[in-house]
Amino acid sequence: MAPRHLWEMNLRVSAGLRCQYLQSCSSVCTSSPPALRYSSTTTSPSPPPTKAPSKVNGPISTLPAPLALPVRAKDQPFFPAYALALGKAYLAFYKTGVKHIYTNFKAARAVQKHLDDAHASSLKAAVDAGALTRSDFQLLVRNWHDVKRVPVFALVFAVCGELTPLVVVAVSSIVPWTCRIPKQIESDRRRLETRRAISFRNLTSAPPEKGGVDGLGRMELLHISWSLGLSSNLWDWLGGRLPGLPTWVLRRRVARRVEYLKMDDELIRNSGGVKEMEDEECRMACVERGIDVLGRSDKQVRADLEAWLKSSQMVSVERLLLTRPSVWPIGVTENSKQGTIL
C-alpha cells in the first residue's frame, strides 16, 4: 500500500510543550466566572465537573474559529464604515486561524517526538500498537496540512488584504483549514459533490471483488480522485482524451488516501466510535470518504459514517469508494430522513 514515510512528519520538540499546551487548553475550557460572595449560612455551589479531553475528536484548535460578521443596517452604505468593519472582522478571523496553526504546531511536535522515539517515526506502527488516539492522529494530519499552506496563504493575504475572502474561494487549496470561512467550506463541498455525481454517472466498471489499489484501472483511480478531490480540476482540461494526472501519480495518491482512511477507521472504533464524535467531525469524516453531506441532517450523516465503519470490516475501502452508501454491505436507506441503517 502507501509507503510508510507518507505519514511521517519531520517535527521535533520536547514533550513538555505538549503538556504545557494541554494544561493551557484545560484551564480555558474549565474556567468559570468568579464566585459571588455568599452569607455564612449559604454554601458555595460546587464547581462543574471537568470534562475529559475527547479521544475521537480532533482538537478544537484544528477547526476554523467562529466568524462573527457585522450586521449591515438597512440604509447603511457599504463604503466606508461597513466595509471597514467587515475587513476588521475577517482580519480578526484570519489572525485567530494563524494563532491556532502555531498552537497546533507546538502541540504536534511533542506527539511527533513520541512517535519518533517509540515507533521509529512510523504513524502506522503507532496506530497498530494502539499508541495514538484519533485526536492526536488528526492533530498531526491537520497540522501538516496547514503548515504547508502558510507561506503561500501569507503571501496572498499580504497582497490582497481585505479582499482575501473573495480570492480564496477560487483558490481554496492554498488556504489552511483553520483559516477557511464557512462560505468557502460550503462552496468546496458543493463543488466536490457535483464532481462526484458526474463521476458516478460515468463509472461503468464493476468494483473489484478484492482489495488493493494496484488492481484498480485508470477509470477507477480517476473516479476516486474526483470523488475525494485528490487533484485539481485543471488536470481534467490538460489531459485531453485522457484527463487527469498520469496513472502512476493517481495510483500513489489513491493509495495514500486509502491508507489514511484505514488508520482513521481503526482509530474511530478504538477512541469511542461515531456516537462520541461532534457533528462537524462527522461531516468532515464523511467528506474524506466521498459521502455527500450538503442538505443532510446530522443524524443522516452519522448513519452513513456508521455504515462505512461497519462495511469497511466486510469489504475493502477501495470498493466502498467506488459505490454509493445505498449498496454497501451495511447500507443506509436512500431517502430515509432518519438515517436508518439497514
Protein backbone atom coordinates (compact mmCIF):
# COMPACT_ATOMS: atom_id res chain seq x y z
CA MET A 1 0.00 0.00 0.00
CA ALA A 2 1.28 3.51 0.68
CA PRO A 3 4.92 3.91 1.72
CA ARG A 4 5.45 4.25 5.43
CA HIS A 5 7.11 7.61 5.19
CA LEU A 6 3.89 9.10 3.73
CA TRP A 7 2.63 9.91 7.19
CA GLU A 8 6.00 10.66 8.78
CA MET A 9 6.31 14.28 9.76
CA ASN A 10 9.67 15.82 10.47
CA LEU A 11 8.71 17.76 13.57
CA ARG A 12 10.79 17.56 16.78
CA VAL A 13 10.41 19.19 20.22
CA SER A 14 10.37 18.31 23.92
CA ALA A 15 7.29 16.62 25.38
CA GLY A 16 6.97 19.48 27.85
CA LEU A 17 5.41 21.71 25.21
CA ARG A 18 2.60 19.21 24.72
CA CYS A 19 1.87 19.12 28.45
CA GLN A 20 2.00 22.91 28.64
CA TYR A 21 -0.42 23.20 25.71
CA LEU A 22 -2.90 20.71 27.15
CA GLN A 23 -2.77 22.40 30.54
CA SER A 24 -3.49 25.81 28.99
CA CYS A 25 -6.39 24.39 26.97
CA SER A 26 -7.79 22.71 30.08
CA SER A 27 -7.65 25.94 32.05
CA VAL A 28 -9.52 27.80 29.30
CA CYS A 29 -12.19 25.14 28.82
CA THR A 30 -12.91 24.71 32.53
CA SER A 31 -12.69 28.34 33.60
CA SER A 32 -15.83 29.82 35.15
CA PRO A 33 -16.90 33.29 36.26
CA PRO A 34 -15.63 34.42 39.67
CA ALA A 35 -17.72 33.07 42.56
CA LEU A 36 -20.13 35.55 44.13
CA ARG A 37 -19.98 36.33 47.84
CA TYR A 38 -22.40 34.31 49.94
CA SER A 39 -23.56 34.79 53.53
CA SER A 40 -22.21 32.48 56.19
CA THR A 41 -25.45 30.49 56.16
CA THR A 42 -25.19 29.50 52.48
CA THR A 43 -22.78 27.12 50.87
CA SER A 44 -20.89 27.89 47.71
CA PRO A 45 -22.03 25.87 44.70
CA SER A 46 -19.71 23.04 43.76
CA PRO A 47 -17.72 23.62 40.57
CA PRO A 48 -19.00 21.87 37.45
CA PRO A 49 -17.35 18.54 36.66
CA THR A 50 -14.34 18.74 34.39
CA LYS A 51 -14.92 17.15 31.01
CA ALA A 52 -12.13 14.84 29.91
CA PRO A 53 -10.44 15.69 26.59
CA SER A 54 -12.03 13.86 23.68
CA LYS A 55 -10.08 10.95 22.24
CA VAL A 56 -12.04 10.73 18.99
CA ASN A 57 -12.49 14.39 18.00
CA GLY A 58 -9.63 16.43 16.65
CA PRO A 59 -8.51 19.32 18.90
CA ILE A 60 -10.86 22.28 18.57
CA SER A 61 -7.88 24.44 17.59
CA THR A 62 -7.63 22.45 14.33
CA LEU A 63 -11.03 23.79 13.20
CA PRO A 64 -11.86 27.27 11.91
CA ALA A 65 -12.83 29.74 14.61
CA PRO A 66 -16.37 31.19 14.59
CA LEU A 67 -16.71 34.06 12.12
CA ALA A 68 -18.67 37.00 13.56
CA LEU A 69 -19.58 39.43 10.77
CA PRO A 70 -21.09 42.87 11.49
CA VAL A 71 -24.77 43.36 10.71
CA ARG A 72 -25.39 45.92 7.99
CA ALA A 73 -28.15 48.41 8.70
CA LYS A 74 -30.95 48.69 6.17
CA ASP A 75 -29.94 52.10 4.82
CA GLN A 76 -26.23 51.86 5.58
CA PRO A 77 -23.94 52.30 2.54
CA PHE A 78 -21.29 49.66 2.01
CA PHE A 79 -18.46 52.21 1.96
CA PRO A 80 -16.73 53.26 4.05
CA ALA A 81 -17.97 52.33 7.54
CA TYR A 82 -19.44 48.88 6.86
CA ALA A 83 -16.58 47.86 4.57
CA LEU A 84 -14.09 48.80 7.28
CA ALA A 85 -15.99 46.84 9.93
CA LEU A 86 -16.22 43.85 7.60
CA GLY A 87 -12.50 43.97 6.92
CA LYS A 88 -11.73 44.08 10.64
CA ALA A 89 -13.94 41.03 11.24
CA TYR A 90 -12.12 39.00 8.58
CA LEU A 91 -8.77 40.23 9.84
CA ALA A 92 -9.61 39.02 13.36
CA PHE A 93 -10.77 35.66 11.95
CA TYR A 94 -7.56 35.08 9.98
CA LYS A 95 -5.44 36.25 12.91
CA THR A 96 -7.11 33.67 15.15
CA GLY A 97 -6.62 31.00 12.49
CA VAL A 98 -2.90 31.69 12.27
CA LYS A 99 -2.61 31.60 16.07
CA HIS A 100 -4.28 28.20 16.05
CA ILE A 101 -1.78 26.95 13.47
CA TYR A 102 1.08 27.92 15.77
CA THR A 103 -0.65 26.32 18.76
CA ASN A 104 -1.19 23.10 16.80
CA PHE A 105 2.39 23.18 15.57
CA LYS A 106 3.75 23.25 19.11
CA ALA A 107 1.39 20.50 20.29
CA ALA A 108 2.12 18.29 17.28
CA ARG A 109 5.87 18.42 17.85
CA ALA A 110 5.51 16.65 21.19
CA VAL A 111 3.29 13.94 19.69
CA GLN A 112 5.76 13.53 16.83
CA LYS A 113 8.65 13.17 19.28
CA HIS A 114 6.89 10.26 20.97
CA LEU A 115 6.26 8.79 17.52
CA ASP A 116 9.95 9.10 16.64
CA ASP A 117 11.22 7.64 19.91
CA ALA A 118 8.79 4.76 20.37
CA HIS A 119 7.75 3.81 16.84
CA ALA A 120 10.64 4.77 14.56
CA SER A 121 8.62 7.70 13.13
CA SER A 122 6.02 5.31 11.70
CA LEU A 123 2.47 6.59 12.06
CA LYS A 124 1.02 3.25 11.01
CA ALA A 125 3.10 1.37 13.58
CA ALA A 126 1.83 3.70 16.32
CA VAL A 127 -1.79 3.21 15.22
CA ASP A 128 -1.41 -0.58 15.06
CA ALA A 129 0.13 -0.56 18.54
CA GLY A 130 -2.75 1.49 19.95
CA ALA A 131 -0.34 4.24 20.99
CA LEU A 132 -2.32 7.10 19.40
CA THR A 133 -5.83 8.40 19.92
CA ARG A 134 -7.72 9.75 16.95
CA SER A 135 -7.39 13.21 18.46
CA ASP A 136 -3.58 13.00 18.32
CA PHE A 137 -3.71 11.44 14.87
CA GLN A 138 -5.87 14.25 13.50
CA LEU A 139 -3.66 16.83 15.21
CA LEU A 140 -0.66 15.52 13.27
CA VAL A 141 -2.51 15.25 9.95
CA ARG A 142 -4.26 18.62 10.12
CA ASN A 143 -1.18 20.40 11.40
CA TRP A 144 0.87 19.09 8.47
CA HIS A 145 -1.91 20.12 6.07
CA ASP A 146 -1.96 23.68 7.43
CA VAL A 147 1.77 24.26 7.92
CA LYS A 148 2.46 23.51 4.24
CA ARG A 149 -0.02 26.20 3.20
CA VAL A 150 1.08 29.03 5.47
CA PRO A 151 3.74 30.61 3.18
CA VAL A 152 1.53 30.90 0.08
CA PHE A 153 -1.52 31.97 2.08
CA ALA A 154 0.52 34.63 3.88
CA LEU A 155 1.65 35.99 0.51
CA VAL A 156 -1.93 36.12 -0.80
CA PHE A 157 -3.10 37.85 2.36
CA ALA A 158 -0.27 40.39 2.19
CA VAL A 159 -1.17 41.25 -1.42
CA CYS A 160 -4.97 41.12 -1.24
CA GLY A 161 -5.61 42.30 2.31
CA GLU A 162 -9.34 42.71 2.95
CA LEU A 163 -10.12 41.18 -0.46
CA THR A 164 -8.63 37.84 0.61
CA PRO A 165 -12.06 36.22 1.28
CA LEU A 166 -13.04 36.88 -2.34
CA VAL A 167 -9.81 35.43 -3.70
CA VAL A 168 -9.51 32.29 -1.58
CA VAL A 169 -12.91 30.97 -2.67
CA ALA A 170 -11.39 30.49 -6.13
CA VAL A 171 -8.08 29.01 -4.89
CA SER A 172 -9.23 27.17 -1.80
CA SER A 173 -6.41 24.63 -1.85
CA ILE A 174 -3.85 27.20 -0.67
CA VAL A 175 -5.79 28.11 2.49
CA PRO A 176 -5.04 26.40 5.83
CA TRP A 177 -8.08 24.68 7.29
CA THR A 178 -8.14 26.95 10.36
CA CYS A 179 -8.47 29.98 8.04
CA ARG A 180 -11.35 28.75 5.87
CA ILE A 181 -14.54 30.77 6.11
CA PRO A 182 -17.94 28.97 6.19
CA LYS A 183 -18.85 30.11 2.67
CA GLN A 184 -15.59 28.68 1.36
CA ILE A 185 -16.12 25.32 3.08
CA GLU A 186 -19.65 25.02 1.72
CA SER A 187 -18.51 26.01 -1.77
CA ASP A 188 -15.74 23.39 -1.70
CA ARG A 189 -18.14 20.67 -0.61
CA ARG A 190 -20.74 21.59 -3.22
CA ARG A 191 -18.13 21.58 -5.98
CA LEU A 192 -16.85 18.21 -4.80
CA GLU A 193 -20.32 16.65 -4.61
CA THR A 194 -21.16 17.89 -8.11
CA ARG A 195 -17.96 16.41 -9.47
CA ARG A 196 -18.62 13.15 -7.58
CA ALA A 197 -22.13 12.82 -9.00
CA ILE A 198 -20.85 13.25 -12.57
CA SER A 199 -18.11 10.70 -11.97
CA PHE A 200 -20.56 8.12 -10.59
CA ARG A 201 -22.73 8.51 -13.69
CA ASN A 202 -19.72 7.87 -15.92
CA LEU A 203 -18.40 4.95 -13.87
CA THR A 204 -19.41 1.81 -15.75
CA SER A 205 -16.97 -0.82 -14.46
CA ALA A 206 -17.96 -3.05 -11.55
CA PRO A 207 -15.99 -2.52 -8.34
CA PRO A 208 -13.24 -5.07 -7.73
CA GLU A 209 -14.02 -8.06 -5.54
CA LYS A 210 -10.59 -8.00 -3.92
CA GLY A 211 -8.98 -5.02 -2.24
CA GLY A 212 -5.79 -3.32 -3.30
CA VAL A 213 -5.07 -0.13 -5.20
CA ASP A 214 -2.74 -2.00 -7.57
CA GLY A 215 -5.74 -3.84 -9.02
CA LEU A 216 -7.64 -0.66 -9.94
CA GLY A 217 -7.86 0.54 -13.53
CA ARG A 218 -7.33 4.12 -14.63
CA MET A 219 -11.04 4.99 -14.71
CA GLU A 220 -11.49 3.66 -11.18
CA LEU A 221 -8.48 5.66 -10.00
CA LEU A 222 -9.87 8.76 -11.69
CA HIS A 223 -13.25 8.28 -10.04
CA ILE A 224 -11.72 8.04 -6.56
CA SER A 225 -9.53 11.07 -7.27
CA TRP A 226 -12.50 13.13 -8.47
CA SER A 227 -14.78 11.91 -5.68
CA LEU A 228 -12.30 12.78 -2.92
CA GLY A 229 -10.77 15.88 -4.52
CA LEU A 230 -7.26 14.43 -4.72
CA SER A 231 -6.32 16.52 -7.76
CA SER A 232 -7.13 19.91 -9.25
CA ASN A 233 -9.84 20.36 -11.88
CA LEU A 234 -7.19 21.90 -14.14
CA TRP A 235 -5.81 18.43 -14.88
CA ASP A 236 -9.13 17.50 -16.47
CA TRP A 237 -8.58 20.19 -19.12
CA LEU A 238 -4.89 19.49 -19.67
CA GLY A 239 -5.31 15.77 -20.23
CA GLY A 240 -7.24 15.92 -23.50
CA ARG A 241 -8.68 12.49 -24.28
CA LEU A 242 -7.08 11.08 -21.13
CA PRO A 243 -7.96 13.68 -18.48
CA GLY A 244 -6.39 13.76 -15.07
CA LEU A 245 -2.96 13.08 -13.67
CA PRO A 246 -0.71 10.32 -15.02
CA THR A 247 -1.84 6.89 -13.86
CA TRP A 248 1.16 6.27 -11.63
CA VAL A 249 0.60 9.56 -9.81
CA LEU A 250 -3.11 8.79 -9.40
CA ARG A 251 -2.33 5.35 -8.01
CA ARG A 252 0.09 6.79 -5.47
CA ARG A 253 -2.37 9.45 -4.28
CA VAL A 254 -5.24 6.99 -4.02
CA ALA A 255 -3.01 4.56 -2.10
CA ARG A 256 -2.12 7.30 0.36
CA ARG A 257 -5.76 8.20 0.96
CA VAL A 258 -6.78 4.55 1.36
CA GLU A 259 -4.02 4.01 3.91
CA TYR A 260 -5.12 7.14 5.78
CA LEU A 261 -8.76 6.04 5.83
CA LYS A 262 -7.86 2.60 7.16
CA MET A 263 -5.95 4.15 10.05
CA ASP A 264 -8.68 6.70 10.73
CA ASP A 265 -11.37 3.99 10.70
CA GLU A 266 -9.46 1.96 13.26
CA LEU A 267 -8.91 4.98 15.50
CA ILE A 268 -12.59 5.99 15.40
CA ARG A 269 -13.57 2.48 16.52
CA ASN A 270 -10.94 2.43 19.27
CA SER A 271 -11.46 6.00 20.52
CA GLY A 272 -15.17 5.96 21.27
CA GLY A 273 -16.95 5.49 17.95
CA VAL A 274 -19.26 7.76 15.97
CA LYS A 275 -21.51 8.37 18.98
CA GLU A 276 -18.70 10.33 20.66
CA MET A 277 -17.92 12.48 17.61
CA GLU A 278 -19.03 16.09 17.23
CA ASP A 279 -21.37 16.88 14.34
CA GLU A 280 -18.74 18.76 12.32
CA GLU A 281 -16.20 15.99 12.89
CA CYS A 282 -18.71 13.51 11.43
CA ARG A 283 -19.23 15.73 8.39
CA MET A 284 -15.51 16.15 7.83
CA ALA A 285 -15.01 12.38 8.11
CA CYS A 286 -17.78 11.74 5.57
CA VAL A 287 -16.32 14.25 3.10
CA GLU A 288 -12.97 12.46 3.35
CA ARG A 289 -14.74 9.20 2.48
CA GLY A 290 -16.63 10.52 -0.52
CA ILE A 291 -20.01 10.72 1.24
CA ASP A 292 -22.37 13.62 0.46
CA VAL A 293 -23.21 15.87 3.42
CA LEU A 294 -24.89 19.00 2.00
CA GLY A 295 -28.61 19.25 2.71
CA ARG A 296 -28.48 16.27 5.05
CA SER A 297 -29.24 16.17 8.75
CA ASP A 298 -26.64 15.34 11.36
CA LYS A 299 -28.46 12.07 12.03
CA GLN A 300 -28.24 11.02 8.38
CA VAL A 301 -24.55 11.91 8.24
CA ARG A 302 -23.86 9.87 11.37
CA ALA A 303 -25.78 6.91 9.95
CA ASP A 304 -23.66 6.98 6.78
CA LEU A 305 -20.44 7.12 8.78
CA GLU A 306 -21.60 4.22 10.96
CA ALA A 307 -22.45 2.25 7.82
CA TRP A 308 -18.99 2.95 6.39
CA LEU A 309 -17.21 1.77 9.55
CA LYS A 310 -19.20 -1.46 9.66
CA SER A 311 -18.94 -2.09 5.92
CA SER A 312 -15.18 -1.49 5.85
CA GLN A 313 -14.79 -4.52 8.11
CA MET A 314 -16.50 -6.65 5.47
CA VAL A 315 -15.20 -5.30 2.14
CA SER A 316 -12.21 -3.25 1.01
CA VAL A 317 -12.04 0.52 1.34
CA GLU A 318 -11.48 0.72 -2.42
CA ARG A 319 -14.82 -0.99 -3.05
CA LEU A 320 -16.64 1.42 -0.74
CA LEU A 321 -15.10 4.40 -2.54
CA LEU A 322 -16.41 3.05 -5.85
CA THR A 323 -20.02 2.57 -4.67
CA ARG A 324 -22.78 4.61 -3.09
CA PRO A 325 -23.80 4.05 0.56
CA SER A 326 -27.10 2.50 -0.55
CA VAL A 327 -25.29 -0.59 -1.90
CA TRP A 328 -22.76 -1.09 0.89
CA PRO A 329 -22.95 -4.35 2.87
CA ILE A 330 -24.32 -2.32 5.78
CA GLY A 331 -26.36 0.12 3.72
CA VAL A 332 -28.39 3.21 4.55
CA THR A 333 -31.84 3.81 3.11
CA GLU A 334 -31.50 6.27 0.24
CA ASN A 335 -34.40 8.57 1.12
CA SER A 336 -34.60 7.96 4.85
CA LYS A 337 -34.98 11.20 6.77
CA GLN A 338 -33.96 9.41 9.92
CA GLY A 339 -30.73 7.98 8.53
CA THR A 340 -31.66 4.42 9.44
CA ILE A 341 -29.01 1.75 8.94
CA LEU A 342 -30.31 -1.32 7.13
